[in-house]
C-alpha atoms as a PDB file:
ATOM      1  CA  MET A   1     -34.832 -69.790  62.371  1.00  0.00           C
ATOM      2  CA  ASN A   2     -37.149 -67.197  60.794  1.00  0.00           C
ATOM      3  CA  VAL A   3     -36.461 -66.286  57.269  1.00  0.00           C
ATOM      4  CA  LEU A   4     -37.921 -63.029  55.813  1.00  0.00           C
ATOM      5  CA  ALA A   5     -37.797 -62.843  51.931  1.00  0.00           C
ATOM      6  CA  VAL A   6     -38.685 -59.483  50.620  1.00  0.00           C
ATOM      7  CA  GLY A   7     -39.334 -59.341  46.761  1.00  0.00           C
ATOM      8  CA  ALA A   8     -40.634 -56.454  44.550  1.00  0.00           C
ATOM      9  CA  HIS A   9     -43.269 -58.091  42.808  1.00  0.00           C
ATOM     10  CA  PRO A  10     -45.366 -61.172  43.384  1.00  0.00           C
ATOM     11  CA  ASP A  11     -43.170 -63.597  41.175  1.00  0.00           C
ATOM     12  CA  ASP A  12     -39.816 -62.168  42.044  1.00  0.00           C
ATOM     13  CA  LEU A  13     -39.003 -64.568  44.888  1.00  0.00           C
ATOM     14  CA  GLU A  14     -40.008 -67.637  43.097  1.00  0.00           C
ATOM     15  CA  ILE A  15     -37.684 -66.872  40.219  1.00  0.00           C
ATOM     16  CA  LEU A  16     -34.553 -65.498  42.339  1.00  0.00           C
ATOM     17  CA  CYS A  17     -34.760 -67.464  45.408  1.00  0.00           C
ATOM     18  CA  GLY A  18     -37.516 -69.997  45.386  1.00  0.00           C
ATOM     19  CA  GLY A  19     -35.520 -72.801  45.639  1.00  0.00           C
ATOM     20  CA  THR A  20     -33.411 -71.648  48.833  1.00  0.00           C
ATOM     21  CA  LEU A  21     -37.150 -70.762  50.410  1.00  0.00           C
ATOM     22  CA  ALA A  22     -37.886 -74.187  49.680  1.00  0.00           C
ATOM     23  CA  LYS A  23     -35.241 -75.660  51.448  1.00  0.00           C
ATOM     24  CA  TYR A  24     -35.550 -73.465  54.371  1.00  0.00           C
ATOM     25  CA  ALA A  25     -39.348 -74.502  54.534  1.00  0.00           C
ATOM     26  CA  LEU A  26     -38.310 -78.256  54.206  1.00  0.00           C
ATOM     27  CA  ARG A  27     -35.833 -78.115  57.057  1.00  0.00           C
ATOM     28  CA  GLY A  28     -38.468 -76.673  59.245  1.00  0.00           C
ATOM     29  CA  ASP A  29     -37.646 -73.354  59.463  1.00  0.00           C
ATOM     30  CA  LYS A  30     -40.449 -70.534  59.257  1.00  0.00           C
ATOM     31  CA  VAL A  31     -40.526 -68.605  56.034  1.00  0.00           C
ATOM     32  CA  PHE A  32     -42.227 -65.168  55.266  1.00  0.00           C
ATOM     33  CA  MET A  33     -42.852 -64.473  51.680  1.00  0.00           C
ATOM     34  CA  VAL A  34     -43.245 -60.565  51.209  1.00  0.00           C
ATOM     35  CA  SER A  35     -44.494 -59.010  48.204  1.00  0.00           C
ATOM     36  CA  PHE A  36     -43.392 -55.171  48.432  1.00  0.00           C
ATOM     37  CA  THR A  37     -45.909 -54.156  45.561  1.00  0.00           C
ATOM     38  CA  ASN A  38     -49.383 -55.488  44.292  1.00  0.00           C
ATOM     39  CA  GLY A  39     -48.236 -56.364  40.895  1.00  0.00           C
ATOM     40  CA  ASN A  40     -51.085 -54.415  39.558  1.00  0.00           C
ATOM     41  CA  MET A  41     -49.669 -53.388  36.242  1.00  0.00           C
ATOM     42  CA  GLY A  42     -48.643 -57.170  35.529  1.00  0.00           C
ATOM     43  CA  HIS A  43     -50.957 -57.286  32.323  1.00  0.00           C
ATOM     44  CA  PRO A  44     -51.796 -54.535  29.868  1.00  0.00           C
ATOM     45  CA  ASP A  45     -55.109 -56.189  29.135  1.00  0.00           C
ATOM     46  CA  VAL A  46     -56.333 -56.310  32.526  1.00  0.00           C
ATOM     47  CA  ASP A  47     -57.413 -53.429  34.884  1.00  0.00           C
ATOM     48  CA  PRO A  48     -55.130 -52.651  37.435  1.00  0.00           C
ATOM     49  CA  PRO A  49     -57.570 -53.513  40.729  1.00  0.00           C
ATOM     50  CA  ASP A  50     -58.363 -56.885  39.239  1.00  0.00           C
ATOM     51  CA  MET A  51     -54.872 -57.422  38.238  1.00  0.00           C
ATOM     52  CA  ALA A  52     -53.740 -57.013  42.085  1.00  0.00           C
ATOM     53  CA  ALA A  53     -56.397 -59.363  43.100  1.00  0.00           C
ATOM     54  CA  ILE A  54     -55.190 -61.830  40.850  1.00  0.00           C
ATOM     55  CA  ARG A  55     -51.920 -61.562  41.501  1.00  0.00           C
ATOM     56  CA  LYS A  56     -52.508 -61.841  45.315  1.00  0.00           C
ATOM     57  CA  ASP A  57     -54.145 -65.082  44.979  1.00  0.00           C
ATOM     58  CA  GLU A  58     -51.377 -66.398  42.767  1.00  0.00           C
ATOM     59  CA  PHE A  59     -48.623 -65.414  45.560  1.00  0.00           C
ATOM     60  CA  HIS A  60     -50.770 -66.826  48.201  1.00  0.00           C
ATOM     61  CA  ALA A  61     -50.903 -70.206  46.010  1.00  0.00           C
ATOM     62  CA  SER A  62     -47.347 -70.164  45.553  1.00  0.00           C
ATOM     63  CA  ALA A  63     -46.355 -69.675  49.096  1.00  0.00           C
ATOM     64  CA  ALA A  64     -48.868 -72.554  50.346  1.00  0.00           C
ATOM     65  CA  LEU A  65     -46.690 -74.822  48.139  1.00  0.00           C
ATOM     66  CA  ILE A  66     -43.937 -74.802  50.866  1.00  0.00           C
ATOM     67  CA  GLY A  67     -46.024 -73.521  53.890  1.00  0.00           C
ATOM     68  CA  ALA A  68     -44.475 -69.892  53.737  1.00  0.00           C
ATOM     69  CA  GLU A  69     -46.719 -66.938  55.217  1.00  0.00           C
ATOM     70  CA  VAL A  70     -47.555 -64.333  53.076  1.00  0.00           C
ATOM     71  CA  ILE A  71     -47.305 -60.621  53.677  1.00  0.00           C
ATOM     72  CA  TRP A  72     -48.648 -58.221  51.177  1.00  0.00           C
ATOM     73  CA  MET A  73     -47.631 -54.757  51.271  1.00  0.00           C
ATOM     74  CA  ASP A  74     -49.873 -53.492  48.471  1.00  0.00           C
ATOM     75  CA  VAL A  75     -47.670 -50.946  47.085  1.00  0.00           C
ATOM     76  CA  ASP A  76     -48.829 -49.971  43.302  1.00  0.00           C
ATOM     77  CA  ASP A  77     -46.567 -51.671  40.841  1.00  0.00           C
ATOM     78  CA  GLU A  78     -44.041 -48.986  39.351  1.00  0.00           C
ATOM     79  CA  MET A  79     -45.002 -46.461  41.918  1.00  0.00           C
ATOM     80  CA  SER A  80     -42.740 -47.329  44.739  1.00  0.00           C
ATOM     81  CA  GLU A  81     -40.731 -44.625  46.506  1.00  0.00           C
ATOM     82  CA  ILE A  82     -38.180 -44.447  49.502  1.00  0.00           C
ATOM     83  CA  HIS A  83     -39.758 -42.076  52.022  1.00  0.00           C
ATOM     84  CA  VAL A  84     -40.230 -42.292  55.588  1.00  0.00           C
ATOM     85  CA  GLU A  85     -43.690 -43.792  55.735  1.00  0.00           C
ATOM     86  CA  ALA A  86     -42.447 -46.779  53.609  1.00  0.00           C
ATOM     87  CA  ARG A  87     -39.258 -47.177  55.650  1.00  0.00           C
ATOM     88  CA  LEU A  88     -41.595 -47.392  58.859  1.00  0.00           C
ATOM     89  CA  GLN A  89     -43.883 -49.782  57.024  1.00  0.00           C
ATOM     90  CA  MET A  90     -40.868 -52.029  56.388  1.00  0.00           C
ATOM     91  CA  VAL A  91     -39.822 -51.875  60.054  1.00  0.00           C
ATOM     92  CA  ASP A  92     -43.432 -53.088  60.884  1.00  0.00           C
ATOM     93  CA  VAL A  93     -42.798 -56.102  58.472  1.00  0.00           C
ATOM     94  CA  MET A  94     -39.497 -56.901  60.122  1.00  0.00           C
ATOM     95  CA  ARG A  95     -40.883 -56.768  63.831  1.00  0.00           C
ATOM     96  CA  TYR A  96     -43.762 -58.816  63.042  1.00  0.00           C
ATOM     97  CA  ALA A  97     -41.628 -61.713  61.361  1.00  0.00           C
ATOM     98  CA  LYS A  98     -38.715 -61.367  63.788  1.00  0.00           C
ATOM     99  CA  PRO A  99     -36.050 -62.547  61.232  1.00  0.00           C
ATOM    100  CA  ASP A 100     -32.815 -64.241  61.633  1.00  0.00           C
ATOM    101  CA  VAL A 101     -32.090 -63.458  57.850  1.00  0.00           C
ATOM    102  CA  ILE A 102     -33.557 -61.181  55.085  1.00  0.00           C
ATOM    103  CA  LEU A 103     -33.461 -62.214  51.327  1.00  0.00           C
ATOM    104  CA  THR A 104     -33.890 -59.285  48.862  1.00  0.00           C
ATOM    105  CA  HIS A 105     -32.997 -57.386  46.117  1.00  0.00           C
ATOM    106  CA  GLY A 106     -29.366 -55.786  45.470  1.00  0.00           C
ATOM    107  CA  PRO A 107     -28.882 -52.285  44.372  1.00  0.00           C
ATOM    108  CA  ASP A 108     -27.681 -53.087  41.168  1.00  0.00           C
ATOM    109  CA  ASP A 109     -31.005 -54.911  40.114  1.00  0.00           C
ATOM    110  CA  TYR A 110     -32.686 -53.562  36.769  1.00  0.00           C
ATOM    111  CA  HIS A 111     -36.032 -52.355  38.073  1.00  0.00           C
ATOM    112  CA  VAL A 112     -36.792 -49.424  40.221  1.00  0.00           C
ATOM    113  CA  ASP A 113     -38.971 -51.593  42.366  1.00  0.00           C
ATOM    114  CA  HIS A 114     -36.313 -53.946  43.100  1.00  0.00           C
ATOM    115  CA  ARG A 115     -33.825 -51.522  43.951  1.00  0.00           C
ATOM    116  CA  ASN A 116     -36.271 -49.753  46.151  1.00  0.00           C
ATOM    117  CA  ALA A 117     -37.667 -52.840  48.159  1.00  0.00           C
ATOM    118  CA  GLY A 118     -33.965 -53.792  48.727  1.00  0.00           C
ATOM    119  CA  GLN A 119     -32.936 -50.114  49.799  1.00  0.00           C
ATOM    120  CA  LEU A 120     -35.948 -50.228  52.231  1.00  0.00           C
ATOM    121  CA  VAL A 121     -34.739 -53.333  53.736  1.00  0.00           C
ATOM    122  CA  PHE A 122     -31.390 -51.979  54.476  1.00  0.00           C
ATOM    123  CA  GLU A 123     -32.567 -48.750  55.796  1.00  0.00           C
ATOM    124  CA  ALA A 124     -35.275 -50.449  58.114  1.00  0.00           C
ATOM    125  CA  ALA A 125     -33.024 -53.242  59.536  1.00  0.00           C
ATOM    126  CA  PRO A 126     -31.542 -51.091  62.027  1.00  0.00           C
ATOM    127  CA  LEU A 127     -34.579 -49.193  62.734  1.00  0.00           C
ATOM    128  CA  ALA A 128     -36.324 -52.170  63.652  1.00  0.00           C
ATOM    129  CA  CYS A 129     -34.022 -52.652  66.580  1.00  0.00           C
ATOM    130  CA  VAL A 130     -34.484 -49.018  68.187  1.00  0.00           C
ATOM    131  CA  ARG A 131     -36.882 -48.902  71.153  1.00  0.00           C
ATOM    132  CA  ASN A 132     -37.704 -45.273  70.633  1.00  0.00           C
ATOM    133  CA  ILE A 133     -39.051 -45.740  67.236  1.00  0.00           C
ATOM    134  CA  ARG A 134     -42.313 -46.601  68.741  1.00  0.00           C
ATOM    135  CA  ARG A 135     -44.795 -48.911  66.857  1.00  0.00           C
ATOM    136  CA  GLU A 136     -47.507 -51.459  67.281  1.00  0.00           C
ATOM    137  CA  LEU A 137     -44.932 -53.968  67.635  1.00  0.00           C
ATOM    138  CA  PRO A 138     -41.776 -54.121  70.022  1.00  0.00           C
ATOM    139  CA  GLU A 139     -38.140 -53.561  68.638  1.00  0.00           C
ATOM    140  CA  LEU A 140     -36.206 -56.506  67.713  1.00  0.00           C
ATOM    141  CA  ALA A 141     -33.359 -57.655  69.803  1.00  0.00           C
ATOM    142  CA  LYS A 142     -30.873 -57.957  67.027  1.00  0.00           C
ATOM    143  CA  GLN A 143     -30.586 -56.882  63.516  1.00  0.00           C
ATOM    144  CA  PRO A 144     -31.294 -59.627  60.956  1.00  0.00           C
ATOM    145  CA  LEU A 145     -28.684 -60.680  58.499  1.00  0.00           C
ATOM    146  CA  ILE A 146     -29.389 -59.505  54.867  1.00  0.00           C
ATOM    147  CA  TYR A 147     -28.286 -61.373  51.716  1.00  0.00           C
ATOM    148  CA  HIS A 148     -29.009 -60.100  48.381  1.00  0.00           C
ATOM    149  CA  MET A 149     -30.519 -62.464  45.931  1.00  0.00           C
ATOM    150  CA  ASP A 150     -29.202 -63.043  42.316  1.00  0.00           C
ATOM    151  CA  ASN A 151     -30.662 -60.614  39.541  1.00  0.00           C
ATOM    152  CA  ILE A 152     -32.436 -61.672  36.588  1.00  0.00           C
ATOM    153  CA  GLY A 153     -29.847 -63.015  33.964  1.00  0.00           C
ATOM    154  CA  GLY A 154     -27.134 -62.589  36.973  1.00  0.00           C
ATOM    155  CA  ILE A 155     -25.882 -59.512  35.100  1.00  0.00           C
ATOM    156  CA  GLY A 156     -22.900 -57.771  37.208  1.00  0.00           C
ATOM    157  CA  PHE A 157     -23.757 -60.427  39.895  1.00  0.00           C
ATOM    158  CA  ILE A 158     -20.914 -62.124  41.583  1.00  0.00           C
ATOM    159  CA  PRO A 159     -21.982 -64.519  44.390  1.00  0.00           C
ATOM    160  CA  GLN A 160     -20.088 -64.887  47.464  1.00  0.00           C
ATOM    161  CA  GLU A 161     -22.136 -67.995  48.843  1.00  0.00           C
ATOM    162  CA  PHE A 162     -24.367 -70.708  46.955  1.00  0.00           C
ATOM    163  CA  VAL A 163     -27.237 -72.805  48.271  1.00  0.00           C
ATOM    164  CA  ASP A 164     -27.642 -76.183  46.539  1.00  0.00           C
ATOM    165  CA  ILE A 165     -31.029 -76.306  45.066  1.00  0.00           C
ATOM    166  CA  THR A 166     -30.877 -79.775  43.208  1.00  0.00           C
ATOM    167  CA  GLU A 167     -33.488 -81.394  45.471  1.00  0.00           C
ATOM    168  CA  THR A 168     -35.781 -78.154  45.096  1.00  0.00           C
ATOM    169  CA  ILE A 169     -35.492 -76.909  41.778  1.00  0.00           C
ATOM    170  CA  GLU A 170     -38.776 -78.718  40.612  1.00  0.00           C
ATOM    171  CA  LEU A 171     -40.743 -77.200  43.385  1.00  0.00           C
ATOM    172  CA  LYS A 172     -39.370 -73.805  42.445  1.00  0.00           C
ATOM    173  CA  LYS A 173     -40.762 -74.305  39.039  1.00  0.00           C
ATOM    174  CA  LYS A 174     -44.042 -75.238  40.728  1.00  0.00           C
ATOM    175  CA  MET A 175     -44.204 -72.135  42.607  1.00  0.00           C
ATOM    176  CA  PHE A 176     -43.378 -69.899  39.893  1.00  0.00           C
ATOM    177  CA  LEU A 177     -46.105 -71.628  37.762  1.00  0.00           C
ATOM    178  CA  CYS A 178     -48.644 -70.490  40.200  1.00  0.00           C
ATOM    179  CA  HIS A 179     -48.442 -67.013  38.503  1.00  0.00           C
ATOM    180  CA  GLN A 180     -50.289 -67.898  35.536  1.00  0.00           C
ATOM    181  CA  SER A 181     -51.302 -64.263  34.893  1.00  0.00           C
ATOM    182  CA  GLN A 182     -47.313 -63.951  34.003  1.00  0.00           C
ATOM    183  CA  THR A 183     -46.170 -66.742  32.329  1.00  0.00           C
ATOM    184  CA  GLY A 184     -47.560 -66.124  28.898  1.00  0.00           C
ATOM    185  CA  TRP A 185     -47.105 -62.427  29.062  1.00  0.00           C
ATOM    186  CA  MET A 186     -43.785 -62.445  30.206  1.00  0.00           C
ATOM    187  CA  GLN A 187     -42.659 -64.741  27.323  1.00  0.00           C
ATOM    188  CA  GLU A 188     -44.584 -62.553  24.734  1.00  0.00           C
ATOM    189  CA  THR A 189     -42.925 -59.556  26.041  1.00  0.00           C
ATOM    190  CA  SER A 190     -39.252 -60.755  26.715  1.00  0.00           C
ATOM    191  CA  GLY A 191     -39.064 -63.493  24.245  1.00  0.00           C
ATOM    192  CA  PHE A 192     -38.191 -65.849  27.065  1.00  0.00           C
ATOM    193  CA  ASP A 193     -39.626 -69.058  28.595  1.00  0.00           C
ATOM    194  CA  PHE A 194     -39.197 -68.113  32.287  1.00  0.00           C
ATOM    195  CA  VAL A 195     -39.321 -71.823  33.517  1.00  0.00           C
ATOM    196  CA  GLU A 196     -36.497 -72.330  31.392  1.00  0.00           C
ATOM    197  CA  VAL A 197     -34.752 -68.957  32.537  1.00  0.00           C
ATOM    198  CA  ILE A 198     -34.892 -70.544  36.236  1.00  0.00           C
ATOM    199  CA  ASP A 199     -33.618 -73.926  34.929  1.00  0.00           C
ATOM    200  CA  THR A 200     -30.668 -72.155  32.948  1.00  0.00           C
ATOM    201  CA  VAL A 201     -29.879 -69.908  35.560  1.00  0.00           C
ATOM    202  CA  GLY A 202     -30.039 -72.641  38.154  1.00  0.00           C
ATOM    203  CA  LYS A 203     -27.684 -74.773  36.226  1.00  0.00           C
ATOM    204  CA  PHE A 204     -25.397 -71.952  35.580  1.00  0.00           C
ATOM    205  CA  ARG A 205     -24.884 -70.961  39.393  1.00  0.00           C
ATOM    206  CA  GLY A 206     -24.789 -74.922  39.722  1.00  0.00           C
ATOM    207  CA  TYR A 207     -21.545 -74.817  37.826  1.00  0.00           C
ATOM    208  CA  HIS A 208     -20.020 -72.191  39.789  1.00  0.00           C
ATOM    209  CA  ALA A 209     -20.703 -74.409  42.974  1.00  0.00           C
ATOM    210  CA  GLY A 210     -19.899 -77.740  41.681  1.00  0.00           C
ATOM    211  CA  VAL A 211     -23.705 -79.013  41.920  1.00  0.00           C
ATOM    212  CA  PRO A 212     -26.470 -79.565  39.540  1.00  0.00           C
ATOM    213  CA  TYR A 213     -28.544 -76.654  40.522  1.00  0.00           C
ATOM    214  CA  ALA A 214     -27.881 -73.656  42.791  1.00  0.00           C
ATOM    215  CA  GLU A 215     -28.775 -70.105  43.782  1.00  0.00           C
ATOM    216  CA  GLY A 216     -26.260 -67.523  44.516  1.00  0.00           C
ATOM    217  CA  PHE A 217     -26.354 -64.762  47.214  1.00  0.00           C
ATOM    218  CA  LYS A 218     -24.264 -61.994  48.279  1.00  0.00           C
ATOM    219  CA  ARG A 219     -24.038 -60.952  51.897  1.00  0.00           C
ATOM    220  CA  LEU A 220     -24.600 -57.292  52.685  1.00  0.00           C
ATOM    221  CA  ASP A 221     -21.408 -56.351  54.343  1.00  0.00           C
ATOM    222  CA  ALA A 222     -21.529 -53.290  56.630  1.00  0.00           C
ATOM    223  CA  TRP A 223     -20.371 -52.382  60.124  1.00  0.00           C
ATOM    224  CA  TYR A 224     -22.143 -54.765  62.789  1.00  0.00           C
ATOM    225  CA  ARG A 225     -23.954 -56.589  60.051  1.00  0.00           C
ATOM    226  CA  GLY A 226     -21.506 -59.644  59.536  1.00  0.00           C
ATOM    227  CA  THR A 227     -21.534 -63.252  61.028  1.00  0.00           C
ATOM    228  CA  THR A 228     -19.121 -65.974  61.677  1.00  0.00           C
ATOM    229  CA  GLU A 229     -22.038 -68.646  60.934  1.00  0.00           C
ATOM    230  CA  ARG A 230     -23.263 -70.068  58.054  1.00  0.00           C
ATOM    231  CA  ILE A 231     -26.900 -68.743  57.892  1.00  0.00           C
ATOM    232  CA  LEU A 232     -27.992 -70.129  54.281  1.00  0.00           C
ATOM    233  CA  PRO A 233     -29.205 -73.506  53.924  1.00  0.00           C
END
């Protein structure tokens, strides 16, 4: 199975679905990790070009822990937009990865880049299958299934499905800790240690699912986008 995970910023996937991605990878699936933006606004004391380079290296280091392939879309942080060219760039990503399933942000997430990344996935998935949308790579044979991952804090998010990440929670934390440019700064600005956030949210979703640690997901339900099979690991 090919798994495409589209996060808005270089550390979003690790926080929100890192345990599931690790579980996919450990069972032998091909995992692609996408950062929609380059995270260049990720620290007030670092110039944006330098920050983008740092965050790209951190993202590669995190992906390497599970053998995932990185796709770096390089949109400037906080500057994402929904437009035709962005939609076609997402089509290109999908045609390259040939995903069976896509994990991404839901429409009610807190940040504009998160919402835009998820919206572009929604818009691009059917277009990736249209032969007359001619790009460098050929069209997909079938639309990939789309699952929305939890948002930070789980506010207003009611999962439909859960993945038991008890065996991958520590690997998930290690993936996040590759983002050393963010760990201290995020704690200073938010007041929260995000390793503790990862642990707490994992336990909270685990309570829902009856396991020590879990991640929650909602399937994007729309005509011709459903399935009768279990796709999550």
